[in-house]
Amino acid sequence: MHILINYLKQKTMRKFEKYRENLQIVHEAGTDFIKSYSTLVAKIDYDERTAEVAEWYSMTTTKHINYACQKLGLTVINSFK
């Protein structure tokens, strides 16, 4: 897991085995995000081991977020009401 975190912090794009075409980790403006299709859907905080989701998304996008977090060992934090 530590190797994966270091890889992600290198300002690269990372795709996952599952959902390969529609799910990525991208680095923008100094921060890593989970990207589903063309939308940045969760902000990653490696120090806190979390991914913050700021709004409600469809079932498919929620599956993408949960899958990425499970693979990266992150906890999903829903900050929307």
Protein backbone atom coordinates (compact mmCIF):
# COMPACT_ATOMS: atom_id res chain seq x y z
CA MET A 1 0.00 0.00 0.00
CA HIS A 2 2.82 2.40 0.87
CA ILE A 3 4.30 1.93 -2.62
CA LEU A 4 0.94 2.77 -4.22
CA ILE A 5 0.58 5.95 -2.15
CA ASN A 6 4.07 7.09 -3.20
CA TYR A 7 3.23 6.34 -6.81
CA LEU A 8 0.08 8.42 -6.62
CA LYS A 9 1.90 11.36 -5.04
CA GLN A 10 4.22 11.60 -8.07
CA LYS A 11 1.69 13.78 -9.93
CA THR A 12 0.71 11.07 -12.35
CA MET A 13 -2.56 9.66 -13.55
CA ARG A 14 -3.45 6.21 -12.24
CA LYS A 15 -6.08 3.88 -13.66
CA PHE A 16 -7.59 0.89 -11.92
CA GLU A 17 -7.89 -2.66 -13.21
CA LYS A 18 -11.65 -2.62 -12.84
CA TYR A 19 -13.50 0.34 -14.40
CA ARG A 20 -10.30 0.99 -16.38
CA GLU A 21 -11.85 3.35 -18.90
CA ASN A 22 -13.94 5.47 -16.53
CA LEU A 23 -12.09 5.64 -13.19
CA GLN A 24 -8.78 7.37 -12.49
CA ILE A 25 -6.72 9.14 -9.87
CA VAL A 26 -5.59 12.51 -11.22
CA HIS A 27 -3.42 15.28 -9.83
CA GLU A 28 -4.73 18.82 -10.26
CA ALA A 29 -3.83 22.06 -8.49
CA GLY A 30 -1.56 20.26 -6.02
CA THR A 31 -4.18 17.71 -4.96
CA ASP A 32 -5.13 14.18 -6.00
CA PHE A 33 -8.73 13.44 -6.92
CA ILE A 34 -10.80 10.43 -7.82
CA LYS A 35 -12.16 11.07 -11.31
CA SER A 36 -15.21 9.21 -12.59
CA TYR A 37 -15.81 9.67 -16.31
CA SER A 38 -14.92 13.38 -16.74
CA THR A 39 -15.85 14.57 -13.24
CA LEU A 40 -13.62 15.04 -10.19
CA VAL A 41 -15.75 13.33 -7.56
CA ALA A 42 -13.61 13.03 -4.44
CA LYS A 43 -10.62 14.86 -2.97
CA ILE A 44 -7.95 12.54 -1.55
CA ASP A 45 -6.18 13.28 1.74
CA TYR A 46 -3.35 10.77 2.13
CA ASP A 47 -2.42 11.98 5.62
CA GLU A 48 -5.94 11.41 6.95
CA ARG A 49 -6.48 8.36 4.68
CA THR A 50 -9.78 9.80 3.41
CA ALA A 51 -11.56 10.74 0.21
CA GLU A 52 -14.00 13.61 0.63
CA VAL A 53 -17.13 13.57 -1.54
CA ALA A 54 -18.76 17.01 -1.66
CA GLU A 55 -22.01 16.18 -3.45
CA TRP A 56 -24.39 13.34 -4.24
CA TYR A 57 -23.56 11.17 -7.27
CA SER A 58 -25.27 8.40 -9.22
CA MET A 59 -25.08 4.74 -8.23
CA THR A 60 -22.39 4.07 -10.85
CA THR A 61 -20.20 6.95 -9.73
CA THR A 62 -20.68 5.92 -6.09
CA LYS A 63 -19.47 2.44 -7.05
CA HIS A 64 -16.39 4.03 -8.63
CA ILE A 65 -15.66 6.07 -5.50
CA ASN A 66 -16.11 3.09 -3.17
CA TYR A 67 -13.99 0.82 -5.37
CA ALA A 68 -11.12 3.34 -5.57
CA CYS A 69 -11.22 3.94 -1.82
CA GLN A 70 -11.25 0.22 -1.08
CA LYS A 71 -8.22 -0.32 -3.35
CA LEU A 72 -6.33 2.61 -1.80
CA GLY A 73 -7.32 1.92 1.80
CA LEU A 74 -9.18 5.21 2.15
CA THR A 75 -12.34 6.04 4.08
CA VAL A 76 -15.10 7.86 2.20
CA ILE A 77 -16.22 11.07 3.88
CA ASN A 78 -19.54 12.43 2.58
CA SER A 79 -19.52 16.18 3.25
CA PHE A 80 -22.81 16.89 1.47
CA LYS A 81 -26.15 17.20 3.26
